[in-house]
Amino acid sequence: MLAFGWAYGPGGHALQGKDLWLAASTGGPQESYRPDGYNRYFFDAFLHPYEQTAAL
């Protein structure tokens, strides 16, 4: 659990300097991850929330 005061917030330094690894699977064909495809975006557009979480 990423608890306040442990993982983030005042005194929350337990994860500082650690690496974050993300393993993701699309579950669909490459063609569906395009502006004209089923998912409407390239796959990397779905990674922004994870990038922001890692930055925090």
Protein backbone atom coordinates (compact mmCIF):
# COMPACT_ATOMS: atom_id res chain seq x y z
CA MET A 1 0.00 0.00 0.00
CA LEU A 2 1.33 3.43 -0.92
CA ALA A 3 0.46 5.14 2.36
CA PHE A 4 0.66 8.85 3.08
CA GLY A 5 3.72 9.60 5.18
CA TRP A 6 5.44 6.44 3.96
CA ALA A 7 5.34 6.52 0.16
CA TYR A 8 4.37 10.17 -0.33
CA GLY A 9 3.61 13.36 1.58
CA PRO A 10 5.58 14.74 4.53
CA GLY A 11 8.15 12.14 5.56
CA GLY A 12 7.12 9.86 2.71
CA HIS A 13 10.45 8.91 1.18
CA ALA A 14 10.25 5.10 1.13
CA LEU A 15 10.10 4.99 -2.68
CA GLN A 16 12.57 7.80 -3.38
CA GLY A 17 15.31 6.69 -5.76
CA LYS A 18 13.51 3.44 -6.63
CA ASP A 19 12.82 2.30 -10.18
CA LEU A 20 9.29 1.83 -11.49
CA TRP A 21 8.69 -0.92 -14.01
CA LEU A 22 5.46 -1.07 -15.94
CA ALA A 23 4.47 -4.12 -17.95
CA ALA A 24 1.48 -3.43 -20.18
CA SER A 25 -0.36 -5.47 -22.76
CA THR A 26 -2.78 -3.95 -25.23
CA GLY A 27 -5.01 -6.95 -25.66
CA GLY A 28 -5.76 -5.73 -29.15
CA PRO A 29 -4.19 -5.30 -32.56
CA GLN A 30 -1.80 -2.43 -33.29
CA GLU A 31 -4.28 -0.92 -35.76
CA SER A 32 -6.78 -0.25 -32.97
CA TYR A 33 -4.34 2.16 -31.28
CA ARG A 34 -4.53 4.96 -33.83
CA PRO A 35 -6.62 8.14 -34.08
CA ASP A 36 -8.86 6.39 -36.63
CA GLY A 37 -8.92 3.09 -34.70
CA TYR A 38 -11.15 1.62 -32.04
CA ASN A 39 -9.18 3.12 -29.10
CA ARG A 40 -8.73 6.54 -30.81
CA TYR A 41 -5.19 7.10 -29.48
CA PHE A 42 -1.71 5.70 -29.98
CA PHE A 43 -0.79 3.34 -27.15
CA ASP A 44 1.75 5.70 -25.57
CA ALA A 45 -1.04 8.20 -24.85
CA PHE A 46 -2.37 5.77 -22.24
CA LEU A 47 0.93 5.83 -20.34
CA HIS A 48 0.81 9.49 -19.21
CA PRO A 49 -0.94 8.78 -15.86
CA TYR A 50 1.76 6.22 -15.01
CA GLU A 51 4.52 8.66 -15.97
CA GLN A 52 3.00 11.32 -13.73
CA THR A 53 2.63 8.90 -10.82
CA ALA A 54 6.29 7.94 -11.16
CA ALA A 55 7.33 11.60 -11.24
CA LEU A 56 5.50 12.30 -8.00
